[in-house]
Amino acid sequence: MTQNARHHSSSGGRDIEFRLIYCASFIVFLIGTLVARLMPWHWLIIRSGSPRRGTIISEATAATNRFVPFAFMG
């Protein structure tokens, strides 16, 4: 096996790992964001006139983008 082929196969495995961890994390953060939005204290925040946050999808994506890189440190 050439050096290029070994490099490609090892980085291909990391891509799959990254995608799996990203998808699993996104689902967890999406559920967490949905639950947080359904809580009564969230309705009080909206009524008080504080600025609205982004969409549920954008919040879950932002949380996932902050979390996932820590899984690959080291």
Protein backbone atom coordinates (compact mmCIF):
# COMPACT_ATOMS: atom_id res chain seq x y z
CA MET A 1 0.00 0.00 0.00
CA THR A 2 1.41 3.39 -0.90
CA GLN A 3 1.74 6.25 1.54
CA ASN A 4 -1.00 8.20 -0.26
CA ALA A 5 -3.43 5.28 -0.03
CA ARG A 6 -2.75 4.87 3.71
CA HIS A 7 -3.29 8.59 4.29
CA HIS A 8 -6.55 8.53 2.35
CA SER A 9 -7.93 5.51 4.22
CA SER A 10 -7.03 6.91 7.65
CA SER A 11 -8.55 10.32 6.93
CA GLY A 12 -11.63 8.63 5.48
CA GLY A 13 -12.21 6.91 8.80
CA ARG A 14 -11.96 10.20 10.65
CA ASP A 15 -14.48 11.77 8.28
CA ILE A 16 -16.96 9.03 9.05
CA GLU A 17 -16.29 9.36 12.80
CA PHE A 18 -16.79 13.12 12.57
CA ARG A 19 -20.06 12.78 10.71
CA LEU A 20 -21.42 10.15 13.10
CA ILE A 21 -20.51 12.19 16.17
CA TYR A 22 -21.86 15.35 14.53
CA CYS A 23 -25.21 13.73 13.63
CA ALA A 24 -25.64 12.14 17.06
CA SER A 25 -24.74 15.40 18.80
CA PHE A 26 -27.07 17.40 16.58
CA ILE A 27 -29.99 15.12 17.46
CA VAL A 28 -29.22 15.43 21.18
CA PHE A 29 -28.93 19.23 21.00
CA LEU A 30 -32.05 19.48 18.84
CA ILE A 31 -34.07 17.57 21.43
CA GLY A 32 -32.57 19.69 24.19
CA THR A 33 -33.45 22.89 22.36
CA LEU A 34 -37.00 21.69 21.73
CA VAL A 35 -37.47 20.83 25.40
CA ALA A 36 -36.04 24.19 26.48
CA ARG A 37 -38.41 26.02 24.13
CA LEU A 38 -41.42 24.15 25.53
CA MET A 39 -40.63 24.99 29.16
CA PRO A 40 -42.86 27.62 30.81
CA TRP A 41 -39.90 29.78 31.87
CA HIS A 42 -39.09 30.30 28.20
CA TRP A 43 -42.53 31.83 27.66
CA LEU A 44 -41.84 34.32 30.44
CA ILE A 45 -38.63 35.39 28.74
CA ILE A 46 -40.49 36.01 25.48
CA ARG A 47 -43.17 38.08 27.24
CA SER A 48 -40.60 40.23 29.04
CA GLY A 49 -39.51 41.70 25.73
CA SER A 50 -35.99 40.29 25.64
CA PRO A 51 -34.60 39.72 22.15
CA ARG A 52 -35.53 36.44 20.51
CA ARG A 53 -32.94 33.84 19.84
CA GLY A 54 -32.50 32.11 16.50
CA THR A 55 -34.51 29.24 15.16
CA ILE A 56 -34.48 25.87 16.88
CA ILE A 57 -32.36 24.41 14.08
CA SER A 58 -29.83 27.26 14.21
CA GLU A 59 -29.50 26.93 18.00
CA ALA A 60 -28.95 23.18 17.76
CA THR A 61 -26.42 23.67 14.95
CA ALA A 62 -24.52 26.31 16.92
CA ALA A 63 -24.38 24.07 20.00
CA THR A 64 -23.19 21.14 17.91
CA ASN A 65 -20.53 23.26 16.20
CA ARG A 66 -19.22 24.33 19.61
CA PHE A 67 -19.23 20.80 21.04
CA VAL A 68 -17.98 18.44 18.33
CA PRO A 69 -14.42 19.82 17.88
CA PHE A 70 -13.67 18.90 21.50
CA ALA A 71 -14.24 15.24 20.63
CA PHE A 72 -11.25 15.38 18.25
CA MET A 73 -8.78 17.25 20.44
CA GLY A 74 -5.72 15.43 21.57
